[in-house]
PDB file of N, CA and C in Angstrom:
ATOM      1  N   MET A   1      -1.734  -5.613   2.125  1.00  0.00           N
ATOM      2  CA  MET A   1      -2.242  -5.118   1.050  1.00  0.00           C
ATOM      3  C   MET A   1      -1.847  -4.346   0.283  1.00  0.00           C
ATOM      4  N   LEU A   2      -1.040  -3.377   1.111  1.00  0.00           N
ATOM      5  CA  LEU A   2      -0.306  -2.057  -0.230  1.00  0.00           C
ATOM      6  C   LEU A   2       0.488  -2.948  -0.937  1.00  0.00           C
ATOM      7  N   SER A   3       1.267  -4.033  -0.214  1.00  0.00           N
ATOM      8  CA  SER A   3       2.821  -4.416  -0.728  1.00  0.00           C
ATOM      9  C   SER A   3       1.842  -5.118  -2.368  1.00  0.00           C
ATOM     10  N   LYS A   4       0.516  -5.180  -2.563  1.00  0.00           N
ATOM     11  CA  LYS A   4       0.399  -5.982  -3.854  1.00  0.00           C
ATOM     12  C   LYS A   4      -0.207  -4.938  -4.531  1.00  0.00           C
ATOM     13  N   ILE A   5      -0.116  -3.655  -4.718  1.00  0.00           N
ATOM     14  CA  ILE A   5      -0.080  -2.847  -5.171  1.00  0.00           C
ATOM     15  C   ILE A   5       1.102  -2.343  -6.169  1.00  0.00           C
ATOM     16  N   ASN A   6       0.734  -1.721  -7.576  1.00  0.00           N
ATOM     17  CA  ASN A   6       2.191  -1.511  -8.258  1.00  0.00           C
ATOM     18  C   ASN A   6       2.939  -0.064  -7.007  1.00  0.00           C
ATOM     19  N   ARG A   7       4.037  -0.087  -7.712  1.00  0.00           N
ATOM     20  CA  ARG A   7       4.785   1.031  -6.376  1.00  0.00           C
ATOM     21  C   ARG A   7       4.147   2.801  -6.899  1.00  0.00           C
ATOM     22  N   GLN A   8       3.887   3.162  -8.231  1.00  0.00           N
ATOM     23  CA  GLN A   8       3.574   4.172  -8.411  1.00  0.00           C
ATOM     24  C   GLN A   8       1.830   4.642  -7.744  1.00  0.00           C
ATOM     25  N   GLU A   9       0.969   3.670  -7.883  1.00  0.00           N
ATOM     26  CA  GLU A   9      -0.127   3.616  -6.349  1.00  0.00           C
ATOM     27  C   GLU A   9       0.289   3.780  -5.659  1.00  0.00           C
ATOM     28  N   GLN A  10       1.091   2.690  -5.062  1.00  0.00           N
ATOM     29  CA  GLN A  10       1.538   2.513  -3.828  1.00  0.00           C
ATOM     30  C   GLN A  10       1.755   4.070  -3.577  1.00  0.00           C
ATOM     31  N   GLU A  11       2.699   5.082  -4.021  1.00  0.00           N
ATOM     32  CA  GLU A  11       3.223   5.972  -3.797  1.00  0.00           C
ATOM     33  C   GLU A  11       1.987   6.941  -3.621  1.00  0.00           C
ATOM     34  N   ARG A  12       0.810   6.918  -4.222  1.00  0.00           N
ATOM     35  CA  ARG A  12      -0.314   7.942  -4.564  1.00  0.00           C
ATOM     36  C   ARG A  12      -0.787   7.691  -3.072  1.00  0.00           C
ATOM     37  N   ILE A  13      -1.356   6.555  -2.839  1.00  0.00           N
ATOM     38  CA  ILE A  13      -2.015   6.130  -1.963  1.00  0.00           C
ATOM     39  C   ILE A  13      -1.693   6.747  -0.113  1.00  0.00           C
ATOM     40  N   ILE A  14      -0.483   6.859  -0.394  1.00  0.00           N
ATOM     41  CA  ILE A  14       0.350   6.960   0.859  1.00  0.00           C
ATOM     42  C   ILE A  14       0.242   8.492   1.037  1.00  0.00           C
ATOM     43  N   ALA A  15       0.517   9.057  -0.035  1.00  0.00           N
ATOM     44  CA  ALA A  15       0.678  10.634  -0.273  1.00  0.00           C
ATOM     45  C   ALA A  15      -0.762  10.704   0.523  1.00  0.00           C
ATOM     46  N   ALA A  16      -1.638  10.390  -0.591  1.00  0.00           N
ATOM     47  CA  ALA A  16      -3.103  10.924   0.397  1.00  0.00           C
ATOM     48  C   ALA A  16      -3.252  10.348   1.735  1.00  0.00           C
ATOM     49  N   ILE A  17      -2.665   9.419   1.598  1.00  0.00           N
ATOM     50  CA  ILE A  17      -3.007   9.002   3.569  1.00  0.00           C
ATOM     51  C   ILE A  17      -2.132  10.234   4.282  1.00  0.00           C
ATOM     52  N   ASN A  18      -1.152  10.612   4.161  1.00  0.00           N
ATOM     53  CA  ASN A  18      -0.577  11.584   4.875  1.00  0.00           C
ATOM     54  C   ASN A  18      -0.983  13.101   4.793  1.00  0.00           C
ATOM     55  N   SER A  19      -1.693  12.988   3.575  1.00  0.00           N
ATOM     56  CA  SER A  19      -2.436  14.623   3.623  1.00  0.00           C
ATOM     57  C   SER A  19      -3.455  14.869   4.617  1.00  0.00           C
ATOM     58  N   LEU A  20      -4.118  13.754   5.294  1.00  0.00           N
ATOM     59  CA  LEU A  20      -5.314  13.052   5.705  1.00  0.00           C
ATOM     60  C   LEU A  20      -4.846  13.885   7.384  1.00  0.00           C
ATOM     61  N   THR A  21      -3.593  14.003   7.525  1.00  0.00           N
ATOM     62  CA  THR A  21      -3.176  14.406   8.637  1.00  0.00           C
ATOM     63  C   THR A  21      -3.542  16.110   8.846  1.00  0.00           C
ATOM     64  N   ASN A  22      -3.342  16.593   7.753  1.00  0.00           N
ATOM     65  CA  ASN A  22      -3.450  18.358   7.479  1.00  0.00           C
ATOM     66  C   ASN A  22      -5.259  18.336   7.775  1.00  0.00           C
ATOM     67  N   THR A  23      -5.894  17.784   6.456  1.00  0.00           N
ATOM     68  CA  THR A  23      -7.005  18.046   6.447  1.00  0.00           C
ATOM     69  C   THR A  23      -7.860  16.294   6.256  1.00  0.00           C
ATOM     70  N   PRO A  24      -8.724  15.864   7.241  1.00  0.00           N
ATOM     71  CA  PRO A  24      -9.296  14.648   7.105  1.00  0.00           C
ATOM     72  C   PRO A  24     -10.389  14.901   6.650  1.00  0.00           C
ATOM     73  N   ARG A  25     -10.766  15.629   6.194  1.00  0.00           N
ATOM     74  CA  ARG A  25     -12.060  15.950   5.099  1.00  0.00           C
ATOM     75  C   ARG A  25     -11.896  16.442   3.910  1.00  0.00           C
ATOM     76  N   PRO A  26     -11.142  15.855   2.986  1.00  0.00           N
ATOM     77  CA  PRO A  26     -10.641  16.087   1.961  1.00  0.00           C
ATOM     78  C   PRO A  26     -11.976  16.928   0.829  1.00  0.00           C
ATOM     79  N   ALA A  27     -11.595  17.511   0.034  1.00  0.00           N
ATOM     80  CA  ALA A  27     -12.663  17.697  -1.184  1.00  0.00           C
ATOM     81  C   ALA A  27     -12.870  16.012  -1.568  1.00  0.00           C
ATOM     82  N   GLY A  28     -13.908  15.356  -1.704  1.00  0.00           N
ATOM     83  CA  GLY A  28     -14.191  14.375  -2.606  1.00  0.00           C
ATOM     84  C   GLY A  28     -14.581  13.098  -1.647  1.00  0.00           C
ATOM     85  N   CYS A  29     -13.882  13.571  -0.675  1.00  0.00           N
ATOM     86  CA  CYS A  29     -13.913  12.133   0.445  1.00  0.00           C
ATOM     87  C   CYS A  29     -16.151  11.889   0.939  1.00  0.00           C
ATOM     88  N   LYS A  30     -16.088  10.409   1.241  1.00  0.00           N
ATOM     89  CA  LYS A  30     -17.708  10.432   1.606  1.00  0.00           C
ATOM     90  C   LYS A  30     -18.094  10.316   2.803  1.00  0.00           C
ATOM     91  N   LYS A  31     -18.638   9.960   3.512  1.00  0.00           N
ATOM     92  CA  LYS A  31     -18.951   9.727   4.960  1.00  0.00           C
ATOM     93  C   LYS A  31     -19.774   8.582   4.415  1.00  0.00           C
ATOM     94  N   LEU A  32     -19.101   7.471   5.054  1.00  0.00           N
ATOM     95  CA  LEU A  32     -19.843   6.087   4.550  1.00  0.00           C
ATOM     96  C   LEU A  32     -20.968   5.463   5.473  1.00  0.00           C
ATOM     97  N   SER A  33     -22.337   5.427   5.217  1.00  0.00           N
ATOM     98  CA  SER A  33     -23.547   5.224   5.914  1.00  0.00           C
ATOM     99  C   SER A  33     -23.230   3.722   6.725  1.00  0.00           C
ATOM    100  N   GLY A  34     -23.972   3.909   7.565  1.00  0.00           N
ATOM    101  CA  GLY A  34     -24.040   2.786   8.594  1.00  0.00           C
ATOM    102  C   GLY A  34     -22.685   2.224   9.288  1.00  0.00           C
ATOM    103  N   ARG A  35     -21.779   3.383   9.446  1.00  0.00           N
ATOM    104  CA  ARG A  35     -20.765   3.338  10.097  1.00  0.00           C
ATOM    105  C   ARG A  35     -20.337   4.401  10.187  1.00  0.00           C
ATOM    106  N   PRO A  36     -19.116   4.674  11.353  1.00  0.00           N
ATOM    107  CA  PRO A  36     -18.367   5.769  11.457  1.00  0.00           C
ATOM    108  C   PRO A  36     -16.951   5.968  11.017  1.00  0.00           C
ATOM    109  N   ALA A  37     -17.070   5.978   9.235  1.00  0.00           N
ATOM    110  CA  ALA A  37     -15.925   5.806   8.511  1.00  0.00           C
ATOM    111  C   ALA A  37     -16.319   7.169   7.509  1.00  0.00           C
ATOM    112  N   TRP A  38     -14.944   7.425   6.816  1.00  0.00           N
ATOM    113  CA  TRP A  38     -14.860   8.132   5.453  1.00  0.00           C
ATOM    114  C   TRP A  38     -14.339   7.256   4.583  1.00  0.00           C
ATOM    115  N   ARG A  39     -14.295   7.789   3.585  1.00  0.00           N
ATOM    116  CA  ARG A  39     -13.358   7.182   2.379  1.00  0.00           C
ATOM    117  C   ARG A  39     -13.319   8.103   1.245  1.00  0.00           C
ATOM    118  N   ILE A  40     -12.158   8.139   0.458  1.00  0.00           N
ATOM    119  CA  ILE A  40     -11.306   8.779   0.183  1.00  0.00           C
ATOM    120  C   ILE A  40     -11.004   7.766  -1.464  1.00  0.00           C
ATOM    121  N   ARG A  41     -11.000   8.719  -2.542  1.00  0.00           N
ATOM    122  CA  ARG A  41     -10.534   7.823  -3.819  1.00  0.00           C
ATOM    123  C   ARG A  41      -9.424   8.378  -4.285  1.00  0.00           C
ATOM    124  N   ILE A  42      -8.513   7.036  -4.860  1.00  0.00           N
ATOM    125  CA  ILE A  42      -7.218   7.516  -5.443  1.00  0.00           C
ATOM    126  C   ILE A  42      -7.225   6.362  -6.474  1.00  0.00           C
ATOM    127  N   GLY A  43      -7.843   6.922  -7.654  1.00  0.00           N
ATOM    128  CA  GLY A  43      -7.888   5.877  -8.733  1.00  0.00           C
ATOM    129  C   GLY A  43      -8.910   5.183  -8.832  1.00  0.00           C
ATOM    130  N   SER A  44      -8.559   3.666  -8.610  1.00  0.00           N
ATOM    131  CA  SER A  44      -9.419   2.463  -8.177  1.00  0.00           C
ATOM    132  C   SER A  44      -9.285   1.892  -6.888  1.00  0.00           C
ATOM    133  N   TYR A  45      -8.785   2.870  -6.472  1.00  0.00           N
ATOM    134  CA  TYR A  45      -8.699   1.991  -4.832  1.00  0.00           C
ATOM    135  C   TYR A  45      -8.663   2.856  -4.042  1.00  0.00           C
ATOM    136  N   ARG A  46      -9.704   2.354  -2.791  1.00  0.00           N
ATOM    137  CA  ARG A  46      -9.832   3.137  -1.935  1.00  0.00           C
ATOM    138  C   ARG A  46      -9.748   3.306  -0.615  1.00  0.00           C
ATOM    139  N   VAL A  47      -9.576   4.433   0.193  1.00  0.00           N
ATOM    140  CA  VAL A  47      -9.047   3.953   1.298  1.00  0.00           C
ATOM    141  C   VAL A  47     -10.207   4.635   2.269  1.00  0.00           C
ATOM    142  N   ILE A  48     -10.383   3.848   3.526  1.00  0.00           N
ATOM    143  CA  ILE A  48     -11.758   3.938   4.306  1.00  0.00           C
ATOM    144  C   ILE A  48     -11.017   4.047   5.997  1.00  0.00           C
ATOM    145  N   TYR A  49     -11.270   5.316   6.375  1.00  0.00           N
ATOM    146  CA  TYR A  49     -10.646   6.003   7.588  1.00  0.00           C
ATOM    147  C   TYR A  49     -11.562   6.154   8.431  1.00  0.00           C
ATOM    148  N   GLU A  50     -11.490   6.394   9.767  1.00  0.00           N
ATOM    149  CA  GLU A  50     -12.160   6.876  10.489  1.00  0.00           C
ATOM    150  C   GLU A  50     -11.243   8.042  11.676  1.00  0.00           C
ATOM    151  N   ILE A  51     -12.388   8.902  11.780  1.00  0.00           N
ATOM    152  CA  ILE A  51     -11.825  10.378  12.520  1.00  0.00           C
ATOM    153  C   ILE A  51     -12.184  10.636  13.819  1.00  0.00           C
ATOM    154  N   GLN A  52     -11.383  10.954  14.642  1.00  0.00           N
ATOM    155  CA  GLN A  52     -11.619  10.844  15.931  1.00  0.00           C
ATOM    156  C   GLN A  52     -10.891  12.540  16.454  1.00  0.00           C
ATOM    157  N   ASP A  53     -12.249  13.516  16.154  1.00  0.00           N
ATOM    158  CA  ASP A  53     -11.935  14.613  16.471  1.00  0.00           C
ATOM    159  C   ASP A  53     -11.629  15.184  17.767  1.00  0.00           C
ATOM    160  N   ASN A  54     -11.973  14.482  18.609  1.00  0.00           N
ATOM    161  CA  ASN A  54     -11.907  14.733  19.827  1.00  0.00           C
ATOM    162  C   ASN A  54     -10.234  15.146  20.188  1.00  0.00           C
ATOM    163  N   LYS A  55      -9.506  13.811  20.065  1.00  0.00           N
ATOM    164  CA  LYS A  55      -8.481  13.647  20.167  1.00  0.00           C
ATOM    165  C   LYS A  55      -7.359  14.059  18.913  1.00  0.00           C
ATOM    166  N   LEU A  56      -8.175  14.372  17.852  1.00  0.00           N
ATOM    167  CA  LEU A  56      -7.366  14.703  16.575  1.00  0.00           C
ATOM    168  C   LEU A  56      -6.446  13.695  16.449  1.00  0.00           C
ATOM    169  N   ILE A  57      -7.075  12.196  16.085  1.00  0.00           N
ATOM    170  CA  ILE A  57      -6.774  11.152  15.178  1.00  0.00           C
ATOM    171  C   ILE A  57      -7.526  10.703  14.326  1.00  0.00           C
ATOM    172  N   VAL A  58      -6.721  10.140  13.023  1.00  0.00           N
ATOM    173  CA  VAL A  58      -7.065   9.606  11.877  1.00  0.00           C
ATOM    174  C   VAL A  58      -6.918   8.023  11.893  1.00  0.00           C
ATOM    175  N   THR A  59      -7.014   7.264  11.959  1.00  0.00           N
ATOM    176  CA  THR A  59      -7.115   5.433  11.896  1.00  0.00           C
ATOM    177  C   THR A  59      -7.783   5.348  10.053  1.00  0.00           C
ATOM    178  N   VAL A  60      -6.516   4.546   9.924  1.00  0.00           N
ATOM    179  CA  VAL A  60      -6.999   3.923   8.392  1.00  0.00           C
ATOM    180  C   VAL A  60      -7.725   2.576   8.701  1.00  0.00           C
ATOM    181  N   VAL A  61      -8.968   2.095   7.853  1.00  0.00           N
ATOM    182  CA  VAL A  61      -8.996   1.074   8.379  1.00  0.00           C
ATOM    183  C   VAL A  61      -8.943  -0.088   7.488  1.00  0.00           C
ATOM    184  N   HIS A  62      -8.928   0.565   6.294  1.00  0.00           N
ATOM    185  CA  HIS A  62      -9.298  -0.630   5.215  1.00  0.00           C
ATOM    186  C   HIS A  62      -8.715   0.495   4.144  1.00  0.00           C
ATOM    187  N   ILE A  63      -7.393  -0.486   3.035  1.00  0.00           N
ATOM    188  CA  ILE A  63      -7.471   0.311   1.785  1.00  0.00           C
ATOM    189  C   ILE A  63      -6.942  -0.803   0.584  1.00  0.00           C
ATOM    190  N   GLY A  64      -7.786  -1.080  -0.396  1.00  0.00           N
ATOM    191  CA  GLY A  64      -8.372  -2.239  -1.508  1.00  0.00           C
ATOM    192  C   GLY A  64      -8.757  -1.761  -2.615  1.00  0.00           C
ATOM    193  N   HIS A  65      -9.001  -2.582  -3.531  1.00  0.00           N
ATOM    194  CA  HIS A  65      -9.220  -2.333  -5.333  1.00  0.00           C
ATOM    195  C   HIS A  65     -11.291  -1.698  -4.730  1.00  0.00           C
ATOM    196  N   ARG A  66     -11.605  -0.676  -5.681  1.00  0.00           N
ATOM    197  CA  ARG A  66     -12.939  -0.474  -5.316  1.00  0.00           C
ATOM    198  C   ARG A  66     -13.999  -1.744  -5.471  1.00  0.00           C
ATOM    199  N   ARG A  67     -12.970  -2.515  -6.199  1.00  0.00           N
ATOM    200  CA  ARG A  67     -14.747  -3.498  -6.203  1.00  0.00           C
ATOM    201  C   ARG A  67     -14.632  -4.994  -5.259  1.00  0.00           C
ATOM    202  N   GLU A  68     -13.386  -4.561  -4.108  1.00  0.00           N
ATOM    203  CA  GLU A  68     -13.653  -5.375  -2.694  1.00  0.00           C
ATOM    204  C   GLU A  68     -13.498  -4.581  -1.742  1.00  0.00           C
ATOM    205  N   VAL A  69     -13.115  -3.351  -1.518  1.00  0.00           N
ATOM    206  CA  VAL A  69     -13.032  -2.644  -0.322  1.00  0.00           C
ATOM    207  C   VAL A  69     -14.521  -2.602   0.582  1.00  0.00           C
ATOM    208  N   TYR A  70     -15.254  -2.631  -0.032  1.00  0.00           N
ATOM    209  CA  TYR A  70     -16.774  -2.625   0.670  1.00  0.00           C
ATOM    210  C   TYR A  70     -16.931  -4.352   1.368  1.00  0.00           C
ATOM    211  N   ARG A  71     -16.846  -4.766   0.751  1.00  0.00           N
ATOM    212  CA  ARG A  71     -16.986  -6.028   1.316  1.00  0.00           C
ATOM    213  C   ARG A  71     -16.940  -6.810   2.541  1.00  0.00           C
TER     214      ARG A  71
END
């Protein structure tokens, strides 16, 4: 999916994902209801990820446009 996004947006998304290593719950993130996942917004795109606090692991589950990512 990331390869279909323009280069500038790709760089913004990658930077946001990399920043999750230091701050897994940045300002503006949202806990998703009904599943153990969080969401960050990067322009029109969303990154859905899960946090395993006990192991200090952040797993990116899905990256997509806002109208498609929750389906």
